[in-house]
């Protein structure tokens, strides 16, 4: 566990330990939950590479690191802990149409006609 106060800035980093050249780390989705099993109550910080919380700041990919920060929060008043779970994509940095290169993918709304 990592203990912090509410509203304090929390920095998170994912590091790929590999000797393979040209690999890039991309944080696709990060979800928070007051339950370690990520049951019914969850909150998206990052979804499909897009920041979903106003306090999230993602940093550009740097070598084999994916980094972001956000302001710590509590779920309602009855849950003192927050768990994080992130999905990470590893791409070849030389591929221009990879998932890493595409970045944020927001869903298009369908026409109602």
PDB file of N, CA and C in Angstrom:
ATOM      1  N   UNK A   1       0.837  -1.213   0.000  1.00  0.00           N
ATOM      2  CA  UNK A   1       0.000   0.000   0.000  1.00  0.00           C
ATOM      3  C   UNK A   1       0.863   1.251   0.000  1.00  0.00           C
ATOM      4  N   UNK A   2       0.288   2.294  -0.558  1.00  0.00           N
ATOM      5  CA  UNK A   2       0.932   3.588  -0.621  1.00  0.00           C
ATOM      6  C   UNK A   2      -0.030   4.572   0.019  1.00  0.00           C
ATOM      7  N   UNK A   3       0.362   5.197   1.122  1.00  0.00           N
ATOM      8  CA  UNK A   3      -0.539   6.057   1.882  1.00  0.00           C
ATOM      9  C   UNK A   3      -0.357   7.523   1.489  1.00  0.00           C
ATOM     10  N   UNK A   4      -1.468   8.142   1.110  1.00  0.00           N
ATOM     11  CA  UNK A   4      -1.462   9.560   0.758  1.00  0.00           C
ATOM     12  C   UNK A   4      -2.756  10.193   1.252  1.00  0.00           C
ATOM     13  N   UNK A   5      -2.785  11.518   1.251  1.00  0.00           N
ATOM     14  CA  UNK A   5      -3.982  12.246   1.646  1.00  0.00           C
ATOM     15  C   UNK A   5      -4.844  12.524   0.419  1.00  0.00           C
ATOM     16  N   UNK A   6      -6.134  12.716   0.647  1.00  0.00           N
ATOM     17  CA  UNK A   6      -7.030  13.088  -0.447  1.00  0.00           C
ATOM     18  C   UNK A   6      -6.569  14.392  -1.068  1.00  0.00           C
ATOM     19  N   UNK A   7      -6.732  14.500  -2.378  1.00  0.00           N
ATOM     20  CA  UNK A   7      -6.389  15.673  -3.169  1.00  0.00           C
ATOM     21  C   UNK A   7      -4.885  15.851  -3.374  1.00  0.00           C
ATOM     22  N   UNK A   8      -4.086  14.918  -2.886  1.00  0.00           N
ATOM     23  CA  UNK A   8      -2.653  14.959  -3.111  1.00  0.00           C
ATOM     24  C   UNK A   8      -2.358  14.390  -4.499  1.00  0.00           C
ATOM     25  N   UNK A   9      -1.374  14.942  -5.187  1.00  0.00           N
ATOM     26  CA  UNK A   9      -1.025  14.454  -6.521  1.00  0.00           C
ATOM     27  C   UNK A   9      -0.259  13.137  -6.402  1.00  0.00           C
ATOM     28  N   UNK A  10      -0.713  12.162  -7.168  1.00  0.00           N
ATOM     29  CA  UNK A  10      -0.097  10.835  -7.180  1.00  0.00           C
ATOM     30  C   UNK A  10       0.491  10.604  -8.564  1.00  0.00           C
ATOM     31  N   UNK A  11       1.734  10.189  -8.624  1.00  0.00           N
ATOM     32  CA  UNK A  11       2.407   9.896  -9.883  1.00  0.00           C
ATOM     33  C   UNK A  11       2.489   8.382 -10.046  1.00  0.00           C
ATOM     34  N   UNK A  12       2.190   7.895 -11.254  1.00  0.00           N
ATOM     35  CA  UNK A  12       2.261   6.464 -11.540  1.00  0.00           C
ATOM     36  C   UNK A  12       3.125   6.256 -12.783  1.00  0.00           C
ATOM     37  N   UNK A  13       3.865   5.158 -12.774  1.00  0.00           N
ATOM     38  CA  UNK A  13       4.740   4.863 -13.899  1.00  0.00           C
ATOM     39  C   UNK A  13       4.745   3.368 -14.152  1.00  0.00           C
ATOM     40  N   UNK A  14       4.749   3.016 -15.426  1.00  0.00           N
ATOM     41  CA  UNK A  14       4.897   1.636 -15.856  1.00  0.00           C
ATOM     42  C   UNK A  14       6.213   1.564 -16.611  1.00  0.00           C
ATOM     43  N   UNK A  15       7.069   0.617 -16.236  1.00  0.00           N
ATOM     44  CA  UNK A  15       8.359   0.478 -16.891  1.00  0.00           C
ATOM     45  C   UNK A  15       8.488  -0.911 -17.489  1.00  0.00           C
ATOM     46  N   UNK A  16       8.899  -0.982 -18.731  1.00  0.00           N
ATOM     47  CA  UNK A  16       9.146  -2.242 -19.404  1.00  0.00           C
ATOM     48  C   UNK A  16      10.626  -2.571 -19.265  1.00  0.00           C
ATOM     49  N   UNK A  17      10.914  -3.708 -18.657  1.00  0.00           N
ATOM     50  CA  UNK A  17      12.296  -4.162 -18.515  1.00  0.00           C
ATOM     51  C   UNK A  17      12.559  -5.178 -19.614  1.00  0.00           C
ATOM     52  N   UNK A  18      13.212  -4.729 -20.664  1.00  0.00           N
ATOM     53  CA  UNK A  18      13.485  -5.590 -21.808  1.00  0.00           C
ATOM     54  C   UNK A  18      14.741  -5.103 -22.509  1.00  0.00           C
ATOM     55  N   UNK A  19      15.457  -6.040 -23.089  1.00  0.00           N
ATOM     56  CA  UNK A  19      16.639  -5.675 -23.868  1.00  0.00           C
ATOM     57  C   UNK A  19      16.286  -5.494 -25.342  1.00  0.00           C
ATOM     58  N   UNK A  20      15.031  -5.785 -25.707  1.00  0.00           N
ATOM     59  CA  UNK A  20      14.597  -5.613 -27.097  1.00  0.00           C
ATOM     60  C   UNK A  20      14.548  -4.121 -27.431  1.00  0.00           C
ATOM     61  N   UNK A  21      15.131  -3.737 -28.557  1.00  0.00           N
ATOM     62  CA  UNK A  21      15.110  -2.308 -28.928  1.00  0.00           C
ATOM     63  C   UNK A  21      13.761  -1.909 -29.521  1.00  0.00           C
ATOM     64  N   UNK A  22      13.515  -0.616 -29.538  1.00  0.00           N
ATOM     65  CA  UNK A  22      12.358  -0.025 -30.215  1.00  0.00           C
ATOM     66  C   UNK A  22      11.000  -0.416 -29.630  1.00  0.00           C
ATOM     67  N   UNK A  23      10.938  -0.733 -28.363  1.00  0.00           N
ATOM     68  CA  UNK A  23       9.648  -1.017 -27.745  1.00  0.00           C
ATOM     69  C   UNK A  23       9.149   0.219 -27.014  1.00  0.00           C
ATOM     70  N   UNK A  24       7.856   0.436 -27.073  1.00  0.00           N
ATOM     71  CA  UNK A  24       7.225   1.609 -26.474  1.00  0.00           C
ATOM     72  C   UNK A  24       6.089   1.153 -25.574  1.00  0.00           C
ATOM     73  N   UNK A  25       5.939   1.821 -24.429  1.00  0.00           N
ATOM     74  CA  UNK A  25       4.871   1.517 -23.476  1.00  0.00           C
ATOM     75  C   UNK A  25       3.743   2.526 -23.661  1.00  0.00           C
ATOM     76  N   UNK A  26       2.515   2.023 -23.724  1.00  0.00           N
ATOM     77  CA  UNK A  26       1.341   2.889 -23.847  1.00  0.00           C
ATOM     78  C   UNK A  26       0.324   2.481 -22.789  1.00  0.00           C
ATOM     79  N   UNK A  27      -0.118   3.439 -21.975  1.00  0.00           N
ATOM     80  CA  UNK A  27      -1.134   3.169 -20.956  1.00  0.00           C
ATOM     81  C   UNK A  27      -2.490   3.329 -21.618  1.00  0.00           C
ATOM     82  N   UNK A  28      -3.172   2.224 -21.834  1.00  0.00           N
ATOM     83  CA  UNK A  28      -4.450   2.229 -22.534  1.00  0.00           C
ATOM     84  C   UNK A  28      -5.605   2.555 -21.586  1.00  0.00           C
ATOM     85  N   UNK A  29      -5.683   1.866 -20.468  1.00  0.00           N
ATOM     86  CA  UNK A  29      -6.809   2.035 -19.546  1.00  0.00           C
ATOM     87  C   UNK A  29      -6.330   1.906 -18.105  1.00  0.00           C
ATOM     88  N   UNK A  30      -6.783   2.799 -17.245  1.00  0.00           N
ATOM     89  CA  UNK A  30      -6.535   2.699 -15.804  1.00  0.00           C
ATOM     90  C   UNK A  30      -7.846   2.958 -15.082  1.00  0.00           C
ATOM     91  N   UNK A  31      -8.199   2.028 -14.227  1.00  0.00           N
ATOM     92  CA  UNK A  31      -9.459   2.076 -13.497  1.00  0.00           C
ATOM     93  C   UNK A  31      -9.171   2.048 -12.002  1.00  0.00           C
ATOM     94  N   UNK A  32      -9.952   2.781 -11.239  1.00  0.00           N
ATOM     95  CA  UNK A  32      -9.849   2.795  -9.786  1.00  0.00           C
ATOM     96  C   UNK A  32     -11.097   2.145  -9.192  1.00  0.00           C
ATOM     97  N   UNK A  33     -10.916   1.537  -8.033  1.00  0.00           N
ATOM     98  CA  UNK A  33     -12.033   0.901  -7.336  1.00  0.00           C
ATOM     99  C   UNK A  33     -11.740   0.870  -5.838  1.00  0.00           C
ATOM    100  N   UNK A  34     -12.773   0.916  -5.008  1.00  0.00           N
ATOM    101  CA  UNK A  34     -12.548   0.766  -3.574  1.00  0.00           C
ATOM    102  C   UNK A  34     -12.402  -0.708  -3.177  1.00  0.00           C
ATOM    103  N   UNK A  35     -12.608  -1.610  -4.126  1.00  0.00           N
ATOM    104  CA  UNK A  35     -12.561  -3.046  -3.859  1.00  0.00           C
ATOM    105  C   UNK A  35     -11.415  -3.679  -4.644  1.00  0.00           C
ATOM    106  N   UNK A  36     -10.616  -4.546  -4.017  1.00  0.00           N
ATOM    107  CA  UNK A  36      -9.481  -5.145  -4.725  1.00  0.00           C
ATOM    108  C   UNK A  36      -9.888  -6.054  -5.880  1.00  0.00           C
ATOM    109  N   UNK A  37     -11.128  -6.530  -5.891  1.00  0.00           N
ATOM    110  CA  UNK A  37     -11.585  -7.382  -6.995  1.00  0.00           C
ATOM    111  C   UNK A  37     -12.243  -6.579  -8.116  1.00  0.00           C
ATOM    112  N   UNK A  38     -12.270  -5.255  -8.000  1.00  0.00           N
ATOM    113  CA  UNK A  38     -12.852  -4.359  -9.002  1.00  0.00           C
ATOM    114  C   UNK A  38     -14.269  -4.798  -9.355  1.00  0.00           C
ATOM    115  N   UNK A  39     -15.093  -4.926  -8.306  1.00  0.00           N
ATOM    116  CA  UNK A  39     -16.487  -5.345  -8.457  1.00  0.00           C
ATOM    117  C   UNK A  39     -17.343  -4.281  -9.119  1.00  0.00           C
ATOM    118  N   UNK A  40     -18.456  -3.979  -8.525  1.00  0.00           N
ATOM    119  CA  UNK A  40     -19.454  -3.128  -9.173  1.00  0.00           C
ATOM    120  C   UNK A  40     -19.090  -1.637  -9.179  1.00  0.00           C
ATOM    121  N   UNK A  41     -18.324  -1.167  -8.227  1.00  0.00           N
ATOM    122  CA  UNK A  41     -18.011   0.259  -8.136  1.00  0.00           C
ATOM    123  C   UNK A  41     -16.612   0.521  -8.688  1.00  0.00           C
ATOM    124  N   UNK A  42     -16.546   1.143  -9.881  1.00  0.00           N
ATOM    125  CA  UNK A  42     -15.264   1.485 -10.491  1.00  0.00           C
ATOM    126  C   UNK A  42     -15.336   2.898 -11.058  1.00  0.00           C
ATOM    127  N   UNK A  43     -14.172   3.449 -11.309  1.00  0.00           N
ATOM    128  CA  UNK A  43     -14.067   4.802 -11.851  1.00  0.00           C
ATOM    129  C   UNK A  43     -12.909   4.830 -12.836  1.00  0.00           C
ATOM    130  N   UNK A  44     -13.159   5.262 -14.059  1.00  0.00           N
ATOM    131  CA  UNK A  44     -12.127   5.323 -15.082  1.00  0.00           C
ATOM    132  C   UNK A  44     -11.284   6.585 -14.936  1.00  0.00           C
ATOM    133  N   UNK A  45      -9.983   6.404 -14.844  1.00  0.00           N
ATOM    134  CA  UNK A  45      -9.047   7.517 -14.921  1.00  0.00           C
ATOM    135  C   UNK A  45      -8.615   7.713 -16.367  1.00  0.00           C
ATOM    136  N   UNK A  46      -8.299   6.591 -17.038  1.00  0.00           N
ATOM    137  CA  UNK A  46      -7.917   6.596 -18.450  1.00  0.00           C
ATOM    138  C   UNK A  46      -8.679   5.460 -19.115  1.00  0.00           C
ATOM    139  N   UNK A  47      -9.293   5.729 -20.267  1.00  0.00           N
ATOM    140  CA  UNK A  47     -10.030   4.696 -21.017  1.00  0.00           C
ATOM    141  C   UNK A  47      -9.681   4.843 -22.497  1.00  0.00           C
ATOM    142  N   UNK A  48      -9.225   3.768 -23.108  1.00  0.00           N
ATOM    143  CA  UNK A  48      -8.834   3.763 -24.526  1.00  0.00           C
ATOM    144  C   UNK A  48      -7.829   4.868 -24.852  1.00  0.00           C
ATOM    145  N   UNK A  49      -6.916   5.105 -23.917  1.00  0.00           N
ATOM    146  CA  UNK A  49      -5.882   6.116 -24.115  1.00  0.00           C
ATOM    147  C   UNK A  49      -6.325   7.541 -23.870  1.00  0.00           C
ATOM    148  N   UNK A  50      -7.602   7.743 -23.491  1.00  0.00           N
ATOM    149  CA  UNK A  50      -8.146   9.087 -23.259  1.00  0.00           C
ATOM    150  C   UNK A  50      -8.275   9.357 -21.759  1.00  0.00           C
ATOM    151  N   UNK A  51      -7.858  10.537 -21.334  1.00  0.00           N
ATOM    152  CA  UNK A  51      -8.024  10.922 -19.931  1.00  0.00           C
ATOM    153  C   UNK A  51      -9.506  11.117 -19.645  1.00  0.00           C
ATOM    154  N   UNK A  52     -10.034  10.420 -18.635  1.00  0.00           N
ATOM    155  CA  UNK A  52     -11.450  10.512 -18.289  1.00  0.00           C
ATOM    156  C   UNK A  52     -11.694  11.306 -17.016  1.00  0.00           C
ATOM    157  N   UNK A  53     -10.643  11.593 -16.279  1.00  0.00           N
ATOM    158  CA  UNK A  53     -10.750  12.386 -15.054  1.00  0.00           C
ATOM    159  C   UNK A  53     -10.037  13.708 -15.307  1.00  0.00           C
ATOM    160  N   UNK A  54     -10.634  14.806 -14.844  1.00  0.00           N
ATOM    161  CA  UNK A  54     -10.077  16.135 -15.083  1.00  0.00           C
ATOM    162  C   UNK A  54      -8.687  16.333 -14.481  1.00  0.00           C
ATOM    163  N   UNK A  55      -8.322  15.534 -13.477  1.00  0.00           N
ATOM    164  CA  UNK A  55      -7.025  15.722 -12.826  1.00  0.00           C
ATOM    165  C   UNK A  55      -5.921  14.866 -13.443  1.00  0.00           C
ATOM    166  N   UNK A  56      -6.263  13.997 -14.386  1.00  0.00           N
ATOM    167  CA  UNK A  56      -5.265  13.119 -15.006  1.00  0.00           C
ATOM    168  C   UNK A  56      -4.430  13.895 -16.024  1.00  0.00           C
ATOM    169  N   UNK A  57      -3.130  13.722 -15.926  1.00  0.00           N
ATOM    170  CA  UNK A  57      -2.190  14.247 -16.918  1.00  0.00           C
ATOM    171  C   UNK A  57      -1.315  13.078 -17.347  1.00  0.00           C
ATOM    172  N   UNK A  58      -1.344  12.741 -18.631  1.00  0.00           N
ATOM    173  CA  UNK A  58      -0.472  11.689 -19.144  1.00  0.00           C
ATOM    174  C   UNK A  58       0.738  12.347 -19.792  1.00  0.00           C
ATOM    175  N   UNK A  59       1.884  11.719 -19.605  1.00  0.00           N
ATOM    176  CA  UNK A  59       3.120  12.240 -20.162  1.00  0.00           C
ATOM    177  C   UNK A  59       3.454  11.494 -21.447  1.00  0.00           C
ATOM    178  N   UNK A  60       4.102  12.159 -22.403  1.00  0.00           N
ATOM    179  CA  UNK A  60       4.479  11.478 -23.646  1.00  0.00           C
ATOM    180  C   UNK A  60       5.363  10.261 -23.340  1.00  0.00           C
ATOM    181  N   UNK A  61       5.260   9.252 -24.192  1.00  0.00           N
ATOM    182  CA  UNK A  61       6.071   8.044 -24.013  1.00  0.00           C
ATOM    183  C   UNK A  61       7.543   8.426 -24.016  1.00  0.00           C
ATOM    184  N   UNK A  62       8.273   7.868 -23.089  1.00  0.00           N
ATOM    185  CA  UNK A  62       9.704   8.128 -22.983  1.00  0.00           C
ATOM    186  C   UNK A  62      10.422   6.797 -22.861  1.00  0.00           C
ATOM    187  N   UNK A  63      11.147   6.423 -23.911  1.00  0.00           N
ATOM    188  CA  UNK A  63      11.861   5.153 -23.953  1.00  0.00           C
ATOM    189  C   UNK A  63      10.917   4.026 -23.557  1.00  0.00           C
ATOM    190  N   UNK A  64      11.171   3.362 -22.463  1.00  0.00           N
ATOM    191  CA  UNK A  64      10.337   2.215 -22.066  1.00  0.00           C
ATOM    192  C   UNK A  64       9.467   2.526 -20.844  1.00  0.00           C
ATOM    193  N   UNK A  65       9.012   3.789 -20.732  1.00  0.00           N
ATOM    194  CA  UNK A  65       8.189   4.210 -19.603  1.00  0.00           C
ATOM    195  C   UNK A  65       6.849   4.767 -20.075  1.00  0.00           C
ATOM    196  N   UNK A  66       5.790   4.463 -19.322  1.00  0.00           N
ATOM    197  CA  UNK A  66       4.500   5.107 -19.480  1.00  0.00           C
ATOM    198  C   UNK A  66       4.188   5.797 -18.159  1.00  0.00           C
ATOM    199  N   UNK A  67       3.837   7.068 -18.189  1.00  0.00           N
ATOM    200  CA  UNK A  67       3.671   7.838 -16.949  1.00  0.00           C
ATOM    201  C   UNK A  67       2.395   8.667 -16.983  1.00  0.00           C
ATOM    202  N   UNK A  68       1.794   8.809 -15.794  1.00  0.00           N
ATOM    203  CA  UNK A  68       0.671   9.725 -15.636  1.00  0.00           C
ATOM    204  C   UNK A  68       0.581  10.145 -14.181  1.00  0.00           C
ATOM    205  N   UNK A  69      -0.195  11.203 -13.954  1.00  0.00           N
ATOM    206  CA  UNK A  69      -0.442  11.659 -12.586  1.00  0.00           C
ATOM    207  C   UNK A  69      -1.918  12.000 -12.470  1.00  0.00           C
ATOM    208  N   UNK A  70      -2.413  11.989 -11.234  1.00  0.00           N
ATOM    209  CA  UNK A  70      -3.791  12.372 -10.951  1.00  0.00           C
ATOM    210  C   UNK A  70      -3.885  12.760  -9.484  1.00  0.00           C
ATOM    211  N   UNK A  71      -4.976  13.421  -9.146  1.00  0.00           N
ATOM    212  CA  UNK A  71      -5.217  13.812  -7.759  1.00  0.00           C
ATOM    213  C   UNK A  71      -5.929  12.684  -7.034  1.00  0.00           C
ATOM    214  N   UNK A  72      -5.416  12.320  -5.881  1.00  0.00           N
ATOM    215  CA  UNK A  72      -5.990  11.230  -5.090  1.00  0.00           C
ATOM    216  C   UNK A  72      -7.390  11.597  -4.608  1.00  0.00           C
ATOM    217  N   UNK A  73      -8.237  10.589  -4.478  1.00  0.00           N
ATOM    218  CA  UNK A  73      -9.622  10.804  -4.072  1.00  0.00           C
ATOM    219  C   UNK A  73     -10.096   9.615  -3.250  1.00  0.00           C
ATOM    220  N   UNK A  74     -11.267   9.756  -2.656  1.00  0.00           N
ATOM    221  CA  UNK A  74     -11.902   8.665  -1.921  1.00  0.00           C
ATOM    222  C   UNK A  74     -13.219   8.341  -2.599  1.00  0.00           C
ATOM    223  N   UNK A  75     -13.607   7.073  -2.540  1.00  0.00           N
ATOM    224  CA  UNK A  75     -14.916   6.680  -3.044  1.00  0.00           C
ATOM    225  C   UNK A  75     -15.927   6.954  -1.944  1.00  0.00           C
ATOM    226  N   UNK A  76     -16.793   7.936  -2.217  1.00  0.00           N
ATOM    227  CA  UNK A  76     -17.797   8.350  -1.243  1.00  0.00           C
ATOM    228  C   UNK A  76     -17.101   8.621   0.080  1.00  0.00           C
ATOM    229  N   UNK A  77     -17.730   8.374   1.185  1.00  0.00           N
ATOM    230  CA  UNK A  77     -17.070   8.593   2.476  1.00  0.00           C
ATOM    231  C   UNK A  77     -16.822   7.284   3.215  1.00  0.00           C
ATOM    232  N   UNK A  78     -17.319   6.192   2.682  1.00  0.00           N
ATOM    233  CA  UNK A  78     -17.241   4.930   3.418  1.00  0.00           C
ATOM    234  C   UNK A  78     -16.121   3.999   2.959  1.00  0.00           C
ATOM    235  N   UNK A  79     -15.326   4.402   1.961  1.00  0.00           N
ATOM    236  CA  UNK A  79     -14.255   3.548   1.472  1.00  0.00           C
ATOM    237  C   UNK A  79     -12.912   4.267   1.626  1.00  0.00           C
ATOM    238  N   UNK A  80     -12.093   3.855   2.580  1.00  0.00           N
ATOM    239  CA  UNK A  80     -10.826   4.553   2.811  1.00  0.00           C
ATOM    240  C   UNK A  80      -9.719   4.198   1.811  1.00  0.00           C
ATOM    241  N   UNK A  81      -9.864   3.097   1.056  1.00  0.00           N
ATOM    242  CA  UNK A  81      -8.820   2.662   0.132  1.00  0.00           C
ATOM    243  C   UNK A  81      -9.262   2.780  -1.319  1.00  0.00           C
ATOM    244  N   UNK A  82      -8.296   3.012  -2.179  1.00  0.00           N
ATOM    245  CA  UNK A  82      -8.542   3.042  -3.616  1.00  0.00           C
ATOM    246  C   UNK A  82      -7.490   2.150  -4.267  1.00  0.00           C
ATOM    247  N   UNK A  83      -7.946   1.223  -5.102  1.00  0.00           N
ATOM    248  CA  UNK A  83      -7.067   0.315  -5.833  1.00  0.00           C
ATOM    249  C   UNK A  83      -7.012   0.751  -7.291  1.00  0.00           C
ATOM    250  N   UNK A  84      -5.839   0.591  -7.904  1.00  0.00           N
ATOM    251  CA  UNK A  84      -5.671   0.930  -9.315  1.00  0.00           C
ATOM    252  C   UNK A  84      -5.373  -0.331 -10.116  1.00  0.00           C
ATOM    253  N   UNK A  85      -5.928  -0.375 -11.318  1.00  0.00           N
ATOM    254  CA  UNK A  85      -5.660  -1.470 -12.240  1.00  0.00           C
ATOM    255  C   UNK A  85      -5.502  -0.860 -13.626  1.00  0.00           C
ATOM    256  N   UNK A  86      -4.380  -1.151 -14.280  1.00  0.00           N
ATOM    257  CA  UNK A  86      -4.114  -0.554 -15.587  1.00  0.00           C
ATOM    258  C   UNK A  86      -3.852  -1.621 -16.638  1.00  0.00           C
ATOM    259  N   UNK A  87      -4.330  -1.363 -17.855  1.00  0.00           N
ATOM    260  CA  UNK A  87      -4.021  -2.179 -19.024  1.00  0.00           C
ATOM    261  C   UNK A  87      -2.989  -1.416 -19.835  1.00  0.00           C
ATOM    262  N   UNK A  88      -1.901  -2.095 -20.145  1.00  0.00           N
ATOM    263  CA  UNK A  88      -0.784  -1.475 -20.833  1.00  0.00           C
ATOM    264  C   UNK A  88      -0.550  -2.206 -22.153  1.00  0.00           C
ATOM    265  N   UNK A  89      -0.203  -1.448 -23.192  1.00  0.00           N
ATOM    266  CA  UNK A  89       0.104  -2.014 -24.505  1.00  0.00           C
ATOM    267  C   UNK A  89       1.581  -1.761 -24.786  1.00  0.00           C
ATOM    268  N   UNK A  90       2.244  -2.778 -25.328  1.00  0.00           N
ATOM    269  CA  UNK A  90       3.635  -2.647 -25.744  1.00  0.00           C
ATOM    270  C   UNK A  90       3.664  -2.689 -27.266  1.00  0.00           C
ATOM    271  N   UNK A  91       4.283  -1.686 -27.881  1.00  0.00           N
ATOM    272  CA  UNK A  91       4.304  -1.579 -29.349  1.00  0.00           C
ATOM    273  C   UNK A  91       5.733  -1.412 -29.848  1.00  0.00           C
ATOM    274  N   UNK A  92       5.900  -1.684 -31.124  1.00  0.00           N
ATOM    275  CA  UNK A  92       7.142  -1.366 -31.818  1.00  0.00           C
ATOM    276  C   UNK A  92       7.095   0.125 -32.125  1.00  0.00           C
ATOM    277  N   UNK A  93       8.052   0.862 -31.628  1.00  0.00           N
ATOM    278  CA  UNK A  93       8.029   2.327 -31.793  1.00  0.00           C
ATOM    279  C   UNK A  93       8.248   2.758 -33.244  1.00  0.00           C
ATOM    280  N   UNK A  94       8.671   1.846 -34.103  1.00  0.00           N
ATOM    281  CA  UNK A  94       8.872   2.177 -35.513  1.00  0.00           C
ATOM    282  C   UNK A  94       7.610   1.988 -36.351  1.00  0.00           C
ATOM    283  N   UNK A  95       6.555   1.424 -35.757  1.00  0.00           N
ATOM    284  CA  UNK A  95       5.313   1.194 -36.490  1.00  0.00           C
ATOM    285  C   UNK A  95       4.416   2.416 -36.340  1.00  0.00           C
ATOM    286  N   UNK A  96       4.120   3.081 -37.444  1.00  0.00           N
ATOM    287  CA  UNK A  96       3.386   4.347 -37.381  1.00  0.00           C
ATOM    288  C   UNK A  96       1.895   4.181 -37.139  1.00  0.00           C
ATOM    289  N   UNK A  97       1.321   3.020 -37.415  1.00  0.00           N
ATOM    290  CA  UNK A  97      -0.123   2.835 -37.204  1.00  0.00           C
ATOM    291  C   UNK A  97      -0.415   1.903 -36.034  1.00  0.00           C
ATOM    292  N   UNK A  98       0.525   1.769 -35.107  1.00  0.00           N
ATOM    293  CA  UNK A  98       0.319   0.892 -33.948  1.00  0.00           C
ATOM    294  C   UNK A  98      -0.679   1.506 -32.965  1.00  0.00           C
ATOM    295  N   UNK A  99      -1.134   0.721 -32.027  1.00  0.00           N
ATOM    296  CA  UNK A  99      -2.040   1.222 -30.982  1.00  0.00           C
ATOM    297  C   UNK A  99      -1.373   2.349 -30.199  1.00  0.00           C
ATOM    298  N   UNK A 100      -0.100   2.237 -29.958  1.00  0.00           N
ATOM    299  CA  UNK A 100       0.629   3.281 -29.225  1.00  0.00           C
ATOM    300  C   UNK A 100       0.638   4.599 -30.004  1.00  0.00           C
ATOM    301  N   UNK A 101       0.847   4.513 -31.301  1.00  0.00           N
ATOM    302  CA  UNK A 101       0.921   5.718 -32.136  1.00  0.00           C
ATOM    303  C   UNK A 101      -0.429   6.400 -32.289  1.00  0.00           C
ATOM    304  N   UNK A 102      -1.522   5.637 -32.214  1.00  0.00           N
ATOM    305  CA  UNK A 102      -2.855   6.221 -32.400  1.00  0.00           C
ATOM    306  C   UNK A 102      -3.315   7.028 -31.194  1.00  0.00           C
ATOM    307  N   UNK A 103      -2.801   6.742 -30.009  1.00  0.00           N
ATOM    308  CA  UNK A 103      -3.151   7.514 -28.821  1.00  0.00           C
ATOM    309  C   UNK A 103      -4.599   7.352 -28.401  1.00  0.00           C
ATOM    310  N   UNK A 104      -5.239   8.462 -28.041  1.00  0.00           N
ATOM    311  CA  UNK A 104      -6.621   8.460 -27.553  1.00  0.00           C
ATOM    312  C   UNK A 104      -7.578   8.063 -28.672  1.00  0.00           C
ATOM    313  N   UNK A 105      -8.410   7.074 -28.380  1.00  0.00           N
ATOM    314  CA  UNK A 105      -9.432   6.644 -29.339  1.00  0.00           C
ATOM    315  C   UNK A 105     -10.790   6.853 -28.684  1.00  0.00           C
ATOM    316  N   UNK A 106     -11.462   7.926 -29.073  1.00  0.00           N
ATOM    317  CA  UNK A 106     -12.793   8.185 -28.513  1.00  0.00           C
ATOM    318  C   UNK A 106     -13.830   7.610 -29.465  1.00  0.00           C
ATOM    319  N   UNK A 107     -14.865   7.057 -28.888  1.00  0.00           N
ATOM    320  CA  UNK A 107     -15.925   6.469 -29.710  1.00  0.00           C
ATOM    321  C   UNK A 107     -16.728   7.562 -30.394  1.00  0.00           C
ATOM    322  N   UNK A 108     -17.065   7.314 -31.631  1.00  0.00           N
ATOM    323  CA  UNK A 108     -17.885   8.257 -32.378  1.00  0.00           C
ATOM    324  C   UNK A 108     -19.354   8.029 -32.017  1.00  0.00           C
ATOM    325  N   UNK A 109     -20.107   9.092 -31.865  1.00  0.00           N
ATOM    326  CA  UNK A 109     -21.543   8.969 -31.602  1.00  0.00           C
ATOM    327  C   UNK A 109     -22.271   8.661 -32.896  1.00  0.00           C
ATOM    328  N   UNK A 110     -23.257   7.816 -32.784  1.00  0.00           N
ATOM    329  CA  UNK A 110     -24.032   7.464 -33.964  1.00  0.00           C
ATOM    330  C   UNK A 110     -25.154   8.472 -34.192  1.00  0.00           C
ATOM    331  N   UNK A 111     -25.499   8.665 -35.444  1.00  0.00           N
ATOM    332  CA  UNK A 111     -26.598   9.551 -35.778  1.00  0.00           C
ATOM    333  C   UNK A 111     -27.912   8.912 -35.350  1.00  0.00           C
ATOM    334  N   UNK A 112     -28.865   9.704 -34.937  1.00  0.00           N
ATOM    335  CA  UNK A 112     -30.154   9.178 -34.459  1.00  0.00           C
ATOM    336  C   UNK A 112     -31.167   9.037 -35.568  1.00  0.00           C
ATOM    337  N   UNK A 113     -30.797   9.359 -36.796  1.00  0.00           N
ATOM    338  CA  UNK A 113     -31.789   9.322 -37.878  1.00  0.00           C
ATOM    339  C   UNK A 113     -32.177   7.945 -38.276  1.00  0.00           C
TER     340      UNK A 113
END
